[in-house]
Amino acid sequence: MSSADKLAKLKVNAGGPQPELANVTSLRRRKQPQALRQVNLVKKGIQLPPESARQFELLRAEQGRKGYDLWTEAVDLLLQAHGKPPVGSDSGSSS
């Protein structure tokens, strides 16, 4: 029996509940709009030694915070150490 014959005999279960098409959305539409996320962020890439990156990820997991919150805190501490005012955001900076 060929594949075409098997497909011809295939029965489709058409009974049962049908999805309400008005309530079905793609995953892309379910994401938050950019306006509700952090606004005016600038992407800066850095390179870390593997052990530093591992320690950062452990800290992030222990704190239960987003990485960008920790980086903002780190930049603020660096600015303060050099006599500059901190400019970090207040989103999620709980100590």
N, C-alpha and C. Protein backbone atom coordinates (compact mmCIF):
# COMPACT_ATOMS: atom_id res chain seq x y z
N MET A 1 0.85 -1.17 0.00
CA MET A 1 0.00 0.00 0.00
C MET A 1 0.90 1.24 0.00
N SER A 2 0.65 2.15 -0.90
CA SER A 2 1.47 3.35 -1.03
C SER A 2 1.05 4.40 0.00
N SER A 3 1.87 5.40 0.12
CA SER A 3 1.56 6.49 1.05
C SER A 3 0.29 7.22 0.65
N ALA A 4 0.07 7.37 -0.65
CA ALA A 4 -1.13 8.04 -1.12
C ALA A 4 -2.37 7.26 -0.72
N ASP A 5 -2.29 5.91 -0.79
CA ASP A 5 -3.44 5.09 -0.38
C ASP A 5 -3.70 5.23 1.11
N LYS A 6 -2.62 5.28 1.90
CA LYS A 6 -2.77 5.43 3.34
C LYS A 6 -3.41 6.78 3.67
N LEU A 7 -2.98 7.84 2.97
CA LEU A 7 -3.56 9.15 3.20
C LEU A 7 -5.02 9.20 2.79
N ALA A 8 -5.38 8.48 1.71
CA ALA A 8 -6.76 8.48 1.24
C ALA A 8 -7.67 7.83 2.27
N LYS A 9 -7.16 6.84 3.03
CA LYS A 9 -7.98 6.15 4.02
C LYS A 9 -7.95 6.82 5.39
N LEU A 10 -7.14 7.84 5.52
CA LEU A 10 -7.01 8.52 6.79
C LEU A 10 -8.31 9.23 7.13
N LYS A 11 -8.78 9.00 8.33
CA LYS A 11 -10.02 9.65 8.79
C LYS A 11 -9.64 10.81 9.70
N VAL A 12 -10.28 11.92 9.47
CA VAL A 12 -10.04 13.10 10.28
C VAL A 12 -11.17 13.24 11.28
N ASN A 13 -10.81 13.44 12.53
CA ASN A 13 -11.81 13.62 13.57
C ASN A 13 -12.32 15.06 13.49
N ALA A 14 -13.41 15.26 12.80
CA ALA A 14 -13.97 16.60 12.62
C ALA A 14 -14.97 16.94 13.70
N GLY A 15 -15.36 15.96 14.50
CA GLY A 15 -16.28 16.23 15.61
C GLY A 15 -15.52 16.92 16.72
N GLY A 16 -16.16 17.28 17.76
CA GLY A 16 -15.46 17.90 18.89
C GLY A 16 -15.46 19.41 18.77
N PRO A 17 -14.98 20.05 19.79
CA PRO A 17 -15.06 21.51 19.82
C PRO A 17 -14.14 22.16 18.79
N GLN A 18 -14.61 23.19 18.21
CA GLN A 18 -13.85 23.96 17.24
C GLN A 18 -13.35 25.22 17.94
N PRO A 19 -12.14 25.66 17.64
CA PRO A 19 -11.66 26.88 18.28
C PRO A 19 -12.45 28.10 17.82
N GLU A 20 -12.63 29.04 18.72
CA GLU A 20 -13.28 30.29 18.35
C GLU A 20 -12.23 31.16 17.68
N LEU A 21 -12.35 31.35 16.41
CA LEU A 21 -11.32 32.05 15.66
C LEU A 21 -11.11 33.48 16.13
N ALA A 22 -12.12 34.09 16.72
CA ALA A 22 -11.95 35.45 17.22
C ALA A 22 -11.01 35.49 18.42
N ASN A 23 -10.90 34.37 19.14
CA ASN A 23 -10.07 34.33 20.34
C ASN A 23 -8.68 33.74 20.08
N VAL A 24 -8.42 33.30 18.88
CA VAL A 24 -7.13 32.70 18.55
C VAL A 24 -6.20 33.80 18.03
N THR A 25 -5.04 33.93 18.66
CA THR A 25 -4.06 34.91 18.20
C THR A 25 -2.72 34.22 18.05
N SER A 26 -1.88 34.77 17.25
CA SER A 26 -0.55 34.21 17.11
C SER A 26 0.27 34.60 18.33
N LEU A 27 1.34 33.86 18.59
CA LEU A 27 2.20 34.17 19.72
C LEU A 27 2.81 35.55 19.59
N ARG A 28 3.09 35.97 18.39
CA ARG A 28 3.69 37.28 18.16
C ARG A 28 2.77 38.39 18.66
N ARG A 29 1.46 38.24 18.51
CA ARG A 29 0.53 39.27 18.96
C ARG A 29 0.34 39.24 20.46
N ARG A 30 0.67 38.13 21.13
CA ARG A 30 0.48 38.02 22.56
C ARG A 30 1.57 38.73 23.35
N LYS A 31 2.70 38.99 22.74
CA LYS A 31 3.79 39.66 23.45
C LYS A 31 3.41 41.09 23.76
N GLN A 32 4.02 41.62 24.83
CA GLN A 32 3.76 43.00 25.19
C GLN A 32 4.24 43.93 24.10
N PRO A 33 3.52 44.98 23.84
CA PRO A 33 4.01 45.97 22.88
C PRO A 33 5.27 46.64 23.41
N GLN A 34 6.10 47.11 22.52
CA GLN A 34 7.36 47.75 22.89
C GLN A 34 7.12 48.92 23.85
N ALA A 35 6.01 49.61 23.72
CA ALA A 35 5.74 50.77 24.56
C ALA A 35 5.60 50.40 26.03
N LEU A 36 5.16 49.17 26.35
CA LEU A 36 4.98 48.77 27.73
C LEU A 36 6.27 48.24 28.35
N ARG A 37 7.26 47.91 27.54
CA ARG A 37 8.54 47.44 28.06
C ARG A 37 9.42 48.62 28.40
N GLN A 38 10.65 48.34 28.84
CA GLN A 38 11.59 49.41 29.14
C GLN A 38 11.72 50.32 27.92
N VAL A 39 11.67 51.59 28.15
CA VAL A 39 11.71 52.56 27.07
C VAL A 39 13.10 53.20 27.02
N ASN A 40 13.51 53.60 25.85
CA ASN A 40 14.75 54.32 25.65
C ASN A 40 15.98 53.58 26.16
N LEU A 41 16.04 52.28 25.93
CA LEU A 41 17.22 51.52 26.32
C LEU A 41 18.25 51.56 25.20
N VAL A 42 19.51 51.60 25.56
CA VAL A 42 20.60 51.59 24.59
C VAL A 42 21.36 50.29 24.81
N LYS A 43 21.58 49.55 23.74
CA LYS A 43 22.27 48.28 23.84
C LYS A 43 23.78 48.50 23.80
N LYS A 44 24.48 47.99 24.80
CA LYS A 44 25.93 48.05 24.87
C LYS A 44 26.44 46.64 25.08
N GLY A 45 27.35 46.21 24.25
CA GLY A 45 27.91 44.87 24.39
C GLY A 45 29.17 44.90 25.22
N ILE A 46 29.33 43.89 26.06
CA ILE A 46 30.56 43.77 26.83
C ILE A 46 31.06 42.34 26.71
N GLN A 47 32.31 42.14 27.01
CA GLN A 47 32.89 40.81 27.05
C GLN A 47 33.41 40.56 28.45
N LEU A 48 33.06 39.40 28.99
CA LEU A 48 33.47 39.04 30.34
C LEU A 48 34.24 37.73 30.30
N PRO A 49 35.15 37.54 31.25
CA PRO A 49 35.77 36.22 31.39
C PRO A 49 34.67 35.22 31.76
N PRO A 50 34.82 33.96 31.37
CA PRO A 50 33.77 32.96 31.64
C PRO A 50 33.36 32.88 33.11
N GLU A 51 34.30 32.95 34.02
CA GLU A 51 33.96 32.85 35.44
C GLU A 51 33.13 34.06 35.89
N SER A 52 33.44 35.24 35.39
CA SER A 52 32.65 36.43 35.73
C SER A 52 31.23 36.31 35.18
N ALA A 53 31.11 35.82 33.97
CA ALA A 53 29.78 35.65 33.37
C ALA A 53 28.97 34.61 34.17
N ARG A 54 29.63 33.54 34.60
CA ARG A 54 28.95 32.51 35.38
C ARG A 54 28.49 33.08 36.72
N GLN A 55 29.35 33.85 37.39
CA GLN A 55 28.99 34.46 38.67
C GLN A 55 27.83 35.44 38.50
N PHE A 56 27.85 36.18 37.39
CA PHE A 56 26.76 37.13 37.12
C PHE A 56 25.44 36.38 36.97
N GLU A 57 25.44 35.28 36.22
CA GLU A 57 24.21 34.51 36.02
C GLU A 57 23.72 33.90 37.34
N LEU A 58 24.64 33.45 38.18
CA LEU A 58 24.25 32.92 39.49
C LEU A 58 23.63 34.02 40.35
N LEU A 59 24.23 35.19 40.35
CA LEU A 59 23.70 36.31 41.11
C LEU A 59 22.32 36.70 40.61
N ARG A 60 22.18 36.76 39.30
CA ARG A 60 20.90 37.11 38.69
C ARG A 60 19.82 36.12 39.12
N ALA A 61 20.16 34.82 39.11
CA ALA A 61 19.18 33.80 39.51
C ALA A 61 18.86 33.88 41.00
N GLU A 62 19.88 34.08 41.82
CA GLU A 62 19.67 34.19 43.26
C GLU A 62 18.79 35.38 43.61
N GLN A 63 19.02 36.50 42.96
CA GLN A 63 18.27 37.72 43.22
C GLN A 63 16.88 37.68 42.60
N GLY A 64 16.70 36.84 41.59
CA GLY A 64 15.42 36.79 40.89
C GLY A 64 15.13 38.07 40.13
N ARG A 65 16.18 38.69 39.62
CA ARG A 65 16.04 39.96 38.90
C ARG A 65 16.47 39.80 37.46
N LYS A 66 16.06 40.74 36.66
CA LYS A 66 16.47 40.76 35.26
C LYS A 66 17.92 41.21 35.16
N GLY A 67 18.61 40.71 34.15
CA GLY A 67 20.00 41.07 33.96
C GLY A 67 20.21 42.55 33.76
N TYR A 68 19.29 43.19 33.01
CA TYR A 68 19.48 44.63 32.75
C TYR A 68 19.32 45.44 34.02
N ASP A 69 18.54 44.95 35.00
CA ASP A 69 18.44 45.66 36.27
C ASP A 69 19.77 45.61 37.02
N LEU A 70 20.41 44.44 37.00
CA LEU A 70 21.69 44.32 37.68
C LEU A 70 22.77 45.14 36.98
N TRP A 71 22.75 45.17 35.64
CA TRP A 71 23.74 45.97 34.90
C TRP A 71 23.53 47.45 35.18
N THR A 72 22.27 47.87 35.28
CA THR A 72 21.99 49.27 35.60
C THR A 72 22.54 49.62 36.97
N GLU A 73 22.34 48.72 37.93
CA GLU A 73 22.88 48.93 39.27
C GLU A 73 24.41 49.00 39.24
N ALA A 74 25.03 48.11 38.46
CA ALA A 74 26.49 48.09 38.37
C ALA A 74 27.03 49.38 37.75
N VAL A 75 26.36 49.87 36.72
CA VAL A 75 26.81 51.12 36.08
C VAL A 75 26.63 52.28 37.04
N ASP A 76 25.53 52.29 37.80
CA ASP A 76 25.33 53.36 38.79
C ASP A 76 26.43 53.35 39.85
N LEU A 77 26.80 52.16 40.32
CA LEU A 77 27.89 52.06 41.31
C LEU A 77 29.21 52.55 40.72
N LEU A 78 29.45 52.23 39.46
CA LEU A 78 30.67 52.69 38.80
C LEU A 78 30.68 54.21 38.67
N LEU A 79 29.54 54.77 38.28
CA LEU A 79 29.45 56.23 38.16
C LEU A 79 29.67 56.91 39.51
N GLN A 80 29.06 56.35 40.57
CA GLN A 80 29.24 56.92 41.90
C GLN A 80 30.70 56.85 42.34
N ALA A 81 31.38 55.75 42.02
CA ALA A 81 32.78 55.58 42.41
C ALA A 81 33.67 56.63 41.73
N HIS A 82 33.22 57.13 40.60
CA HIS A 82 34.00 58.14 39.87
C HIS A 82 33.42 59.54 40.03
N GLY A 83 32.58 59.72 41.05
CA GLY A 83 32.06 61.05 41.36
C GLY A 83 30.98 61.55 40.44
N LYS A 84 30.32 60.68 39.73
CA LYS A 84 29.22 61.08 38.83
C LYS A 84 27.89 60.69 39.48
N PRO A 85 26.82 61.41 39.19
CA PRO A 85 25.52 61.05 39.77
C PRO A 85 24.95 59.79 39.10
N PRO A 86 24.32 58.91 39.87
CA PRO A 86 23.70 57.71 39.28
C PRO A 86 22.49 58.10 38.45
N VAL A 87 22.23 57.34 37.41
CA VAL A 87 21.11 57.67 36.51
C VAL A 87 20.21 56.46 36.27
N GLY A 88 20.36 55.41 37.09
CA GLY A 88 19.61 54.16 36.88
C GLY A 88 18.12 54.33 37.00
N SER A 89 17.42 53.35 36.42
CA SER A 89 15.96 53.36 36.48
C SER A 89 15.51 52.72 37.77
N ASP A 90 14.28 52.98 38.17
CA ASP A 90 13.72 52.43 39.40
C ASP A 90 13.01 51.11 39.16
N SER A 91 13.01 50.58 37.94
CA SER A 91 12.26 49.37 37.63
C SER A 91 12.95 48.15 38.22
N GLY A 92 12.35 47.60 39.26
CA GLY A 92 12.82 46.36 39.82
C GLY A 92 14.09 46.45 40.62
N SER A 93 14.52 47.62 41.02
CA SER A 93 15.76 47.71 41.79
C SER A 93 15.44 47.54 43.26
N SER A 94 15.14 46.29 43.65
CA SER A 94 14.85 46.00 45.05
C SER A 94 16.04 45.31 45.67
N SER A 95 16.46 45.80 46.82
CA SER A 95 17.64 45.25 47.46
C SER A 95 17.26 44.35 48.59
